[in-house]
Structures are given as structure tokens and as C-alpha cells.
Amino acid sequence: MSTETVESSSPAVTARAQSPYHPFSPLSAREIRTAAELIKGVWPANTDLHYKAVTLEEPLKVEAVPYLEAEHNGESTPSIDRKAFVSYYLRNTNKFHEAIVNLSENRVESNVRLGNNIHAPGDAEEIVAIERVALEDEAVKAEVAKLQLPEGTVVVCDPWIYGSDGVNDDERMWQCFLYVRDPKNSDEADSNHYALPLAISPVISSDTMKVIRVDLLPTGADNTIKETQPLKIQAPN
């Protein structure tokens, strides 16, 4: 793990906020917004951050046990700071960070960039963007054209985040698997496109949001890689 830390530029603490929430309650929408704003305040203006997680940083056992015992016995409970765990990227880079935000003190406690071979999972926003990048890429469209699909056939893209087992793993990448809907019923969004897989598989960089290469997958009984040929449409199943 990298020891690089970004110092917080959050305003000085003026008063400790007494939280109305139970120490193990999920963060409220307001707390999530506050945590995100405090992290953004660490960076220069106009820095584009891509948040991966903003969630409760649960209290330490040494704090939680006295609280739960007091609660169980109907006694006054001790104060425990509300904290948020935040993970995020500087958008379109491999600079992945984890931070702890103290919501009771309105400050960033820690903010560390992780090592280059540590990557975050994908999210819905990225998946939609990756699908668009894959299907609009000229090299991908050229391979799809070789299939000679019937007019109006819908190509479906299924992106998956993947790494290279720590070998030259600085770049966060996606492997996309392509399918088609039944050309005789392309308007049916719920049709089983997995029944009609294609051997065309674009690889995309999260840093550049561009197709790095287009893999051709091994298919058939002999499990070999073949040049893209016109697709033989099978009967629905």
C-alpha cells in the first residue's frame, strides 16, 4: 500500500456534533453528501472524483461494547463519533484512494492512495459507459460487420472488470462479451441474448475509456480461434 497521504483542507473543528443515529445505523443521505463534500474539499477546485463507496465506518469494539452494554441496561450511552469510509478514484486515472471522514468533527481523518495493483469494482455508471464505448468503437463495428447480421439486429454488450494477476496490473481494464438478440425478435428486451454469443470481445481501459484491443474468442468443438465469419442464426431455445 502506498503511504502517500493528502492532507485535509477542511475547516477547523468548532464543535463536536452529537449524532442522532445509532452507532451501527447506515449513513443517512445527508451524511453521505457531507462525507463526499469533505473529500472533495481536500482536492483543488474542479478535480473530478469518481466515488466508489461512501458507507459507515463502524466503531471499534472498544467503543461499541460499552455503548451496547449501556443501551442494554437502559443507561445513558457514551458518545461515539460517526465516521464514513470513502473509496474513490481521480476520474479516468488509476489513482485509487481510501479515506476515513469523521462526521462528528467535520473533517477528513485519513486519505491514502492505494497501490497501483489495487483496483475498485465496477459500478452501474461505468458499465453503461463501457457498453457505449465498446459498441461505438470502429474496430468493434468492423468485426461485427463481418457477421453480416440481418438489418435491425441488436448487439448486446456485457462488460466485466478484470485484472492480470498482479502482472503489469497498473491499468484497470474491462473485458466485454458480445451477444445478439434473436434477429427475428430484436425488439424483445427480455429475450435470452446469452443463447446467441459472439466470439468478438473488446478490451477497454478505464483510464482512457478506449478500446485497447479486440480479442477473438475460441469457439467450436475444437475450441480454436477463427476469423469472424457470417453468423449462422440458430433456432430460438
C-alpha atoms as a PDB file:
ATOM      1  CA  MET A   1       0.000   0.000   0.000  1.00  0.00           C
ATOM      2  CA  SER A   2       1.259   3.461  -0.844  1.00  0.00           C
ATOM      3  CA  THR A   3       1.920   5.778   2.074  1.00  0.00           C
ATOM      4  CA  GLU A   4       1.083   8.860   0.046  1.00  0.00           C
ATOM      5  CA  THR A   5      -1.427  10.906   2.014  1.00  0.00           C
ATOM      6  CA  VAL A   6      -3.280  14.029   1.019  1.00  0.00           C
ATOM      7  CA  GLU A   7      -3.674  16.494   3.851  1.00  0.00           C
ATOM      8  CA  SER A   8      -7.190  17.677   4.558  1.00  0.00           C
ATOM      9  CA  SER A   9      -8.026  21.311   3.879  1.00  0.00           C
ATOM     10  CA  SER A  10     -11.340  21.023   5.745  1.00  0.00           C
ATOM     11  CA  PRO A  11     -12.288  23.878   8.082  1.00  0.00           C
ATOM     12  CA  ALA A  12     -11.056  23.661  11.653  1.00  0.00           C
ATOM     13  CA  VAL A  13     -13.375  21.866  14.031  1.00  0.00           C
ATOM     14  CA  THR A  14     -15.511  24.283  16.016  1.00  0.00           C
ATOM     15  CA  ALA A  15     -17.763  21.869  17.883  1.00  0.00           C
ATOM     16  CA  ARG A  16     -18.394  18.152  18.074  1.00  0.00           C
ATOM     17  CA  ALA A  17     -21.761  17.232  16.598  1.00  0.00           C
ATOM     18  CA  GLN A  18     -23.930  14.911  18.674  1.00  0.00           C
ATOM     19  CA  SER A  19     -25.282  12.328  16.264  1.00  0.00           C
ATOM     20  CA  PRO A  20     -28.962  11.378  16.485  1.00  0.00           C
ATOM     21  CA  TYR A  21     -28.156   8.000  14.918  1.00  0.00           C
ATOM     22  CA  HIS A  22     -27.300   4.658  16.483  1.00  0.00           C
ATOM     23  CA  PRO A  23     -23.573   3.891  16.011  1.00  0.00           C
ATOM     24  CA  PHE A  24     -24.415   0.972  13.714  1.00  0.00           C
ATOM     25  CA  SER A  25     -27.123   2.728  11.689  1.00  0.00           C
ATOM     26  CA  PRO A  26     -26.342   3.166   7.988  1.00  0.00           C
ATOM     27  CA  LEU A  27     -25.292   6.627   6.892  1.00  0.00           C
ATOM     28  CA  SER A  28     -28.131   8.991   6.086  1.00  0.00           C
ATOM     29  CA  ALA A  29     -28.341  10.722   2.701  1.00  0.00           C
ATOM     30  CA  ARG A  30     -27.190  13.930   4.374  1.00  0.00           C
ATOM     31  CA  GLU A  31     -24.181  12.208   5.940  1.00  0.00           C
ATOM     32  CA  ILE A  32     -23.226  10.695   2.575  1.00  0.00           C
ATOM     33  CA  ARG A  33     -23.357  14.117   0.943  1.00  0.00           C
ATOM     34  CA  THR A  34     -21.305  15.648   3.760  1.00  0.00           C
ATOM     35  CA  ALA A  35     -18.628  12.941   3.518  1.00  0.00           C
ATOM     36  CA  ALA A  36     -18.382  13.379  -0.260  1.00  0.00           C
ATOM     37  CA  GLU A  37     -18.133  17.159   0.075  1.00  0.00           C
ATOM     38  CA  LEU A  38     -15.394  16.923   2.713  1.00  0.00           C
ATOM     39  CA  ILE A  39     -13.367  14.594   0.475  1.00  0.00           C
ATOM     40  CA  LYS A  40     -13.832  16.931  -2.492  1.00  0.00           C
ATOM     41  CA  GLY A  41     -12.596  19.789  -0.303  1.00  0.00           C
ATOM     42  CA  VAL A  42      -9.224  18.038   0.071  1.00  0.00           C
ATOM     43  CA  TRP A  43      -8.529  18.443  -3.636  1.00  0.00           C
ATOM     44  CA  PRO A  44      -8.050  21.515  -5.837  1.00  0.00           C
ATOM     45  CA  ALA A  45     -11.224  23.016  -7.265  1.00  0.00           C
ATOM     46  CA  ASN A  46     -12.664  21.270 -10.338  1.00  0.00           C
ATOM     47  CA  THR A  47     -10.956  17.935  -9.524  1.00  0.00           C
ATOM     48  CA  ASP A  48     -13.296  15.252 -10.866  1.00  0.00           C
ATOM     49  CA  LEU A  49     -13.769  12.437  -8.352  1.00  0.00           C
ATOM     50  CA  HIS A  50     -15.447   9.099  -9.051  1.00  0.00           C
ATOM     51  CA  TYR A  51     -16.837   7.779  -5.765  1.00  0.00           C
ATOM     52  CA  LYS A  52     -16.926   4.005  -5.391  1.00  0.00           C
ATOM     53  CA  ALA A  53     -18.244   3.711  -1.848  1.00  0.00           C
ATOM     54  CA  VAL A  54     -19.458   6.035   0.884  1.00  0.00           C
ATOM     55  CA  THR A  55     -20.560   3.880   3.779  1.00  0.00           C
ATOM     56  CA  LEU A  56     -20.488   3.623   7.552  1.00  0.00           C
ATOM     57  CA  GLU A  57     -17.100   3.105   9.192  1.00  0.00           C
ATOM     58  CA  GLU A  58     -18.256   1.016  12.139  1.00  0.00           C
ATOM     59  CA  PRO A  59     -16.917   1.954  15.597  1.00  0.00           C
ATOM     60  CA  LEU A  60     -14.119  -0.017  17.183  1.00  0.00           C
ATOM     61  CA  LYS A  61     -15.090  -2.850  19.525  1.00  0.00           C
ATOM     62  CA  VAL A  62     -13.558  -0.962  22.466  1.00  0.00           C
ATOM     63  CA  GLU A  63     -16.093   1.830  21.810  1.00  0.00           C
ATOM     64  CA  ALA A  64     -19.019  -0.316  20.746  1.00  0.00           C
ATOM     65  CA  VAL A  65     -19.124  -2.718  23.715  1.00  0.00           C
ATOM     66  CA  PRO A  66     -19.609  -0.043  26.431  1.00  0.00           C
ATOM     67  CA  TYR A  67     -22.263   1.606  24.269  1.00  0.00           C
ATOM     68  CA  LEU A  68     -24.199  -1.614  23.714  1.00  0.00           C
ATOM     69  CA  GLU A  69     -23.946  -2.592  27.389  1.00  0.00           C
ATOM     70  CA  ALA A  70     -25.284   0.809  28.472  1.00  0.00           C
ATOM     71  CA  GLU A  71     -28.047   0.585  25.882  1.00  0.00           C
ATOM     72  CA  HIS A  72     -28.989  -2.921  27.042  1.00  0.00           C
ATOM     73  CA  ASN A  73     -29.120  -1.805  30.670  1.00  0.00           C
ATOM     74  CA  GLY A  74     -31.204   1.286  29.916  1.00  0.00           C
ATOM     75  CA  GLU A  75     -28.389   3.609  30.943  1.00  0.00           C
ATOM     76  CA  SER A  76     -27.098   6.794  29.346  1.00  0.00           C
ATOM     77  CA  THR A  77     -24.981   5.826  26.350  1.00  0.00           C
ATOM     78  CA  PRO A  78     -21.491   7.223  25.722  1.00  0.00           C
ATOM     79  CA  SER A  79     -20.869   9.415  22.670  1.00  0.00           C
ATOM     80  CA  ILE A  80     -19.282   7.706  19.670  1.00  0.00           C
ATOM     81  CA  ASP A  81     -18.076   9.658  16.635  1.00  0.00           C
ATOM     82  CA  ARG A  82     -19.919   8.960  13.394  1.00  0.00           C
ATOM     83  CA  LYS A  83     -17.437   8.106  10.665  1.00  0.00           C
ATOM     84  CA  ALA A  84     -17.677   7.338   6.959  1.00  0.00           C
ATOM     85  CA  PHE A  85     -15.484   5.073   4.867  1.00  0.00           C
ATOM     86  CA  VAL A  86     -14.977   6.505   1.374  1.00  0.00           C
ATOM     87  CA  SER A  87     -13.262   4.932  -1.624  1.00  0.00           C
ATOM     88  CA  TYR A  88     -12.849   6.840  -4.870  1.00  0.00           C
ATOM     89  CA  TYR A  89     -10.764   7.499  -7.974  1.00  0.00           C
ATOM     90  CA  LEU A  90      -9.460  10.616  -9.572  1.00  0.00           C
ATOM     91  CA  ARG A  91     -11.685  10.071 -12.591  1.00  0.00           C
ATOM     92  CA  ASN A  92     -10.135   8.378 -15.615  1.00  0.00           C
ATOM     93  CA  THR A  93      -6.890   7.559 -13.777  1.00  0.00           C
ATOM     94  CA  ASN A  94      -5.599   4.562 -11.809  1.00  0.00           C
ATOM     95  CA  LYS A  95      -5.285   6.721  -8.668  1.00  0.00           C
ATOM     96  CA  PHE A  96      -7.497   4.849  -6.221  1.00  0.00           C
ATOM     97  CA  HIS A  97      -7.969   6.216  -2.688  1.00  0.00           C
ATOM     98  CA  GLU A  98      -9.471   5.154   0.627  1.00  0.00           C
ATOM     99  CA  ALA A  99     -10.408   7.732   3.242  1.00  0.00           C
ATOM    100  CA  ILE A 100     -11.988   7.987   6.680  1.00  0.00           C
ATOM    101  CA  VAL A 101     -14.212  11.003   7.317  1.00  0.00           C
ATOM    102  CA  ASN A 102     -15.119  11.982  10.876  1.00  0.00           C
ATOM    103  CA  LEU A 103     -18.642  13.337  10.504  1.00  0.00           C
ATOM    104  CA  SER A 104     -18.862  14.330  14.176  1.00  0.00           C
ATOM    105  CA  GLU A 105     -15.809  16.572  13.790  1.00  0.00           C
ATOM    106  CA  ASN A 106     -16.494  17.545  10.177  1.00  0.00           C
ATOM    107  CA  ARG A 107     -13.029  16.588   8.970  1.00  0.00           C
ATOM    108  CA  VAL A 108     -11.098  14.039   6.914  1.00  0.00           C
ATOM    109  CA  GLU A 109      -9.111  11.812   9.272  1.00  0.00           C
ATOM    110  CA  SER A 110      -7.130   9.945   6.632  1.00  0.00           C
ATOM    111  CA  ASN A 111      -6.890   9.900   2.854  1.00  0.00           C
ATOM    112  CA  VAL A 112      -4.478   7.414   1.306  1.00  0.00           C
ATOM    113  CA  ARG A 113      -3.747   6.442  -2.280  1.00  0.00           C
ATOM    114  CA  LEU A 114      -3.577   2.660  -2.642  1.00  0.00           C
ATOM    115  CA  GLY A 115      -1.014   0.746  -4.672  1.00  0.00           C
ATOM    116  CA  ASN A 116      -1.221   0.604  -8.455  1.00  0.00           C
ATOM    117  CA  ASN A 117      -2.213  -3.079  -8.433  1.00  0.00           C
ATOM    118  CA  ILE A 118      -5.275  -2.461  -6.218  1.00  0.00           C
ATOM    119  CA  HIS A 119      -8.470  -1.732  -8.131  1.00  0.00           C
ATOM    120  CA  ALA A 120     -12.077  -0.992  -7.250  1.00  0.00           C
ATOM    121  CA  PRO A 121     -15.050  -2.998  -8.529  1.00  0.00           C
ATOM    122  CA  GLY A 122     -17.199  -1.780 -11.379  1.00  0.00           C
ATOM    123  CA  ASP A 123     -20.412   0.160 -10.894  1.00  0.00           C
ATOM    124  CA  ALA A 124     -23.574   0.850 -12.881  1.00  0.00           C
ATOM    125  CA  GLU A 125     -22.378   4.222 -14.169  1.00  0.00           C
ATOM    126  CA  GLU A 126     -19.178   2.688 -15.524  1.00  0.00           C
ATOM    127  CA  ILE A 127     -20.907  -0.325 -17.029  1.00  0.00           C
ATOM    128  CA  VAL A 128     -23.252   1.865 -19.082  1.00  0.00           C
ATOM    129  CA  ALA A 129     -20.292   3.980 -20.265  1.00  0.00           C
ATOM    130  CA  ILE A 130     -18.210   0.900 -21.142  1.00  0.00           C
ATOM    131  CA  GLU A 131     -21.083  -0.592 -23.156  1.00  0.00           C
ATOM    132  CA  ARG A 132     -21.302   2.602 -25.196  1.00  0.00           C
ATOM    133  CA  VAL A 133     -17.515   2.751 -25.762  1.00  0.00           C
ATOM    134  CA  ALA A 134     -17.413  -0.871 -26.914  1.00  0.00           C
ATOM    135  CA  LEU A 135     -20.327  -0.675 -29.339  1.00  0.00           C
ATOM    136  CA  GLU A 136     -19.237   2.666 -30.838  1.00  0.00           C
ATOM    137  CA  ASP A 137     -15.608   1.641 -31.432  1.00  0.00           C
ATOM    138  CA  GLU A 138     -14.687   1.429 -35.114  1.00  0.00           C
ATOM    139  CA  ALA A 139     -12.633  -1.774 -34.752  1.00  0.00           C
ATOM    140  CA  VAL A 140     -15.511  -3.468 -32.945  1.00  0.00           C
ATOM    141  CA  LYS A 141     -18.007  -2.302 -35.550  1.00  0.00           C
ATOM    142  CA  ALA A 142     -15.732  -3.656 -38.286  1.00  0.00           C
ATOM    143  CA  GLU A 143     -15.713  -7.114 -36.678  1.00  0.00           C
ATOM    144  CA  VAL A 144     -19.478  -7.036 -36.148  1.00  0.00           C
ATOM    145  CA  ALA A 145     -19.947  -6.101 -39.821  1.00  0.00           C
ATOM    146  CA  LYS A 146     -18.231  -9.372 -40.790  1.00  0.00           C
ATOM    147  CA  LEU A 147     -21.108 -11.245 -39.122  1.00  0.00           C
ATOM    148  CA  GLN A 148     -23.500  -9.936 -41.806  1.00  0.00           C
ATOM    149  CA  LEU A 149     -26.326  -9.703 -39.285  1.00  0.00           C
ATOM    150  CA  PRO A 150     -29.879  -9.107 -40.531  1.00  0.00           C
ATOM    151  CA  GLU A 151     -30.980  -5.482 -40.603  1.00  0.00           C
ATOM    152  CA  GLY A 152     -32.130  -4.309 -37.189  1.00  0.00           C
ATOM    153  CA  THR A 153     -30.332  -6.997 -35.162  1.00  0.00           C
ATOM    154  CA  VAL A 154     -29.471  -5.756 -31.667  1.00  0.00           C
ATOM    155  CA  VAL A 155     -25.954  -6.415 -30.330  1.00  0.00           C
ATOM    156  CA  VAL A 156     -25.783  -6.655 -26.528  1.00  0.00           C
ATOM    157  CA  CYS A 157     -22.601  -5.834 -24.590  1.00  0.00           C
ATOM    158  CA  ASP A 158     -21.842  -7.446 -21.200  1.00  0.00           C
ATOM    159  CA  PRO A 159     -18.783  -5.771 -19.549  1.00  0.00           C
ATOM    160  CA  TRP A 160     -16.746  -7.468 -16.806  1.00  0.00           C
ATOM    161  CA  ILE A 161     -13.959  -5.900 -14.781  1.00  0.00           C
ATOM    162  CA  TYR A 162     -10.769  -7.983 -14.779  1.00  0.00           C
ATOM    163  CA  GLY A 163      -7.087  -7.883 -13.854  1.00  0.00           C
ATOM    164  CA  SER A 164      -3.919  -9.706 -14.816  1.00  0.00           C
ATOM    165  CA  ASP A 165      -2.970 -11.429 -11.556  1.00  0.00           C
ATOM    166  CA  GLY A 166      -0.697  -8.600 -10.462  1.00  0.00           C
ATOM    167  CA  VAL A 167       1.471  -8.748 -13.616  1.00  0.00           C
ATOM    168  CA  ASN A 168       1.708  -5.309 -15.208  1.00  0.00           C
ATOM    169  CA  ASP A 169      -1.586  -4.619 -13.476  1.00  0.00           C
ATOM    170  CA  ASP A 170      -1.396  -0.817 -13.228  1.00  0.00           C
ATOM    171  CA  GLU A 171      -4.198  -0.340 -15.729  1.00  0.00           C
ATOM    172  CA  ARG A 172      -7.775  -1.094 -14.707  1.00  0.00           C
ATOM    173  CA  MET A 173      -9.469  -2.906 -17.589  1.00  0.00           C
ATOM    174  CA  TRP A 174     -12.762  -4.360 -18.745  1.00  0.00           C
ATOM    175  CA  GLN A 175     -13.388  -7.445 -20.875  1.00  0.00           C
ATOM    176  CA  CYS A 176     -16.627  -7.175 -22.832  1.00  0.00           C
ATOM    177  CA  PHE A 177     -18.611 -10.146 -24.101  1.00  0.00           C
ATOM    178  CA  LEU A 178     -20.977  -9.565 -27.015  1.00  0.00           C
ATOM    179  CA  TYR A 179     -24.264 -11.271 -27.828  1.00  0.00           C
ATOM    180  CA  VAL A 180     -27.183 -10.688 -30.178  1.00  0.00           C
ATOM    181  CA  ARG A 181     -30.890 -10.798 -29.561  1.00  0.00           C
ATOM    182  CA  ASP A 182     -32.879 -13.169 -31.725  1.00  0.00           C
ATOM    183  CA  PRO A 183     -32.845 -11.286 -35.068  1.00  0.00           C
ATOM    184  CA  LYS A 184     -36.453 -12.376 -35.624  1.00  0.00           C
ATOM    185  CA  ASN A 185     -37.488 -10.682 -32.376  1.00  0.00           C
ATOM    186  CA  SER A 186     -34.951  -7.927 -31.726  1.00  0.00           C
ATOM    187  CA  ASP A 187     -37.480  -5.634 -30.049  1.00  0.00           C
ATOM    188  CA  GLU A 188     -37.914  -8.064 -27.147  1.00  0.00           C
ATOM    189  CA  ALA A 189     -35.601  -6.653 -24.459  1.00  0.00           C
ATOM    190  CA  ASP A 190     -36.164  -9.687 -22.234  1.00  0.00           C
ATOM    191  CA  SER A 191     -35.133 -12.232 -24.839  1.00  0.00           C
ATOM    192  CA  ASN A 192     -32.281 -14.567 -23.876  1.00  0.00           C
ATOM    193  CA  HIS A 193     -29.355 -13.000 -25.727  1.00  0.00           C
ATOM    194  CA  TYR A 194     -26.991 -15.403 -23.906  1.00  0.00           C
ATOM    195  CA  ALA A 195     -28.270 -18.075 -26.287  1.00  0.00           C
ATOM    196  CA  LEU A 196     -26.559 -16.209 -29.155  1.00  0.00           C
ATOM    197  CA  PRO A 197     -22.976 -15.382 -28.054  1.00  0.00           C
ATOM    198  CA  LEU A 198     -20.437 -13.810 -30.371  1.00  0.00           C
ATOM    199  CA  ALA A 199     -16.704 -14.551 -30.452  1.00  0.00           C
ATOM    200  CA  ILE A 200     -15.863 -10.827 -30.528  1.00  0.00           C
ATOM    201  CA  SER A 201     -14.566  -9.494 -27.192  1.00  0.00           C
ATOM    202  CA  PRO A 202     -13.378  -5.872 -26.824  1.00  0.00           C
ATOM    203  CA  VAL A 203     -10.964  -4.954 -24.007  1.00  0.00           C
ATOM    204  CA  ILE A 204     -11.311  -1.416 -22.645  1.00  0.00           C
ATOM    205  CA  SER A 205      -9.148   0.732 -20.364  1.00  0.00           C
ATOM    206  CA  SER A 206     -10.883   2.551 -17.510  1.00  0.00           C
ATOM    207  CA  ASP A 207      -8.154   5.207 -17.641  1.00  0.00           C
ATOM    208  CA  THR A 208      -8.648   6.205 -21.272  1.00  0.00           C
ATOM    209  CA  MET A 209     -12.175   4.820 -21.813  1.00  0.00           C
ATOM    210  CA  LYS A 210     -10.987   3.482 -25.165  1.00  0.00           C
ATOM    211  CA  VAL A 211     -10.779   0.007 -26.693  1.00  0.00           C
ATOM    212  CA  ILE A 212      -7.251  -1.360 -26.207  1.00  0.00           C
ATOM    213  CA  ARG A 213      -7.748  -4.393 -28.432  1.00  0.00           C
ATOM    214  CA  VAL A 214     -10.431  -6.707 -29.795  1.00  0.00           C
ATOM    215  CA  ASP A 215      -9.967 -10.361 -28.817  1.00  0.00           C
ATOM    216  CA  LEU A 216     -11.432 -13.210 -30.856  1.00  0.00           C
ATOM    217  CA  LEU A 217     -12.550 -15.976 -28.527  1.00  0.00           C
ATOM    218  CA  PRO A 218     -12.011 -19.720 -29.109  1.00  0.00           C
ATOM    219  CA  THR A 219     -15.217 -21.488 -30.176  1.00  0.00           C
ATOM    220  CA  GLY A 220     -16.500 -24.747 -31.600  1.00  0.00           C
ATOM    221  CA  ALA A 221     -15.839 -28.369 -30.719  1.00  0.00           C
ATOM    222  CA  ASP A 222     -12.111 -27.860 -31.369  1.00  0.00           C
ATOM    223  CA  ASN A 223     -12.025 -24.714 -29.166  1.00  0.00           C
ATOM    224  CA  THR A 224      -9.927 -22.764 -31.667  1.00  0.00           C
ATOM    225  CA  ILE A 225      -9.749 -19.104 -32.615  1.00  0.00           C
ATOM    226  CA  LYS A 226     -11.170 -18.399 -36.054  1.00  0.00           C
ATOM    227  CA  GLU A 227     -11.574 -15.295 -38.168  1.00  0.00           C
ATOM    228  CA  THR A 228     -15.008 -13.700 -37.852  1.00  0.00           C
ATOM    229  CA  GLN A 229     -17.445 -15.235 -40.329  1.00  0.00           C
ATOM    230  CA  PRO A 230     -21.109 -14.549 -41.198  1.00  0.00           C
ATOM    231  CA  LEU A 231     -23.195 -15.651 -38.220  1.00  0.00           C
ATOM    232  CA  LYS A 232     -25.417 -18.677 -38.639  1.00  0.00           C
ATOM    233  CA  ILE A 233     -28.569 -17.857 -36.731  1.00  0.00           C
ATOM    234  CA  GLN A 234     -29.733 -20.799 -34.648  1.00  0.00           C
ATOM    235  CA  ALA A 235     -33.319 -21.568 -33.772  1.00  0.00           C
ATOM    236  CA  PRO A 236     -34.535 -19.965 -30.515  1.00  0.00           C
ATOM    237  CA  ASN A 237     -34.169 -22.050 -27.374  1.00  0.00           C
END
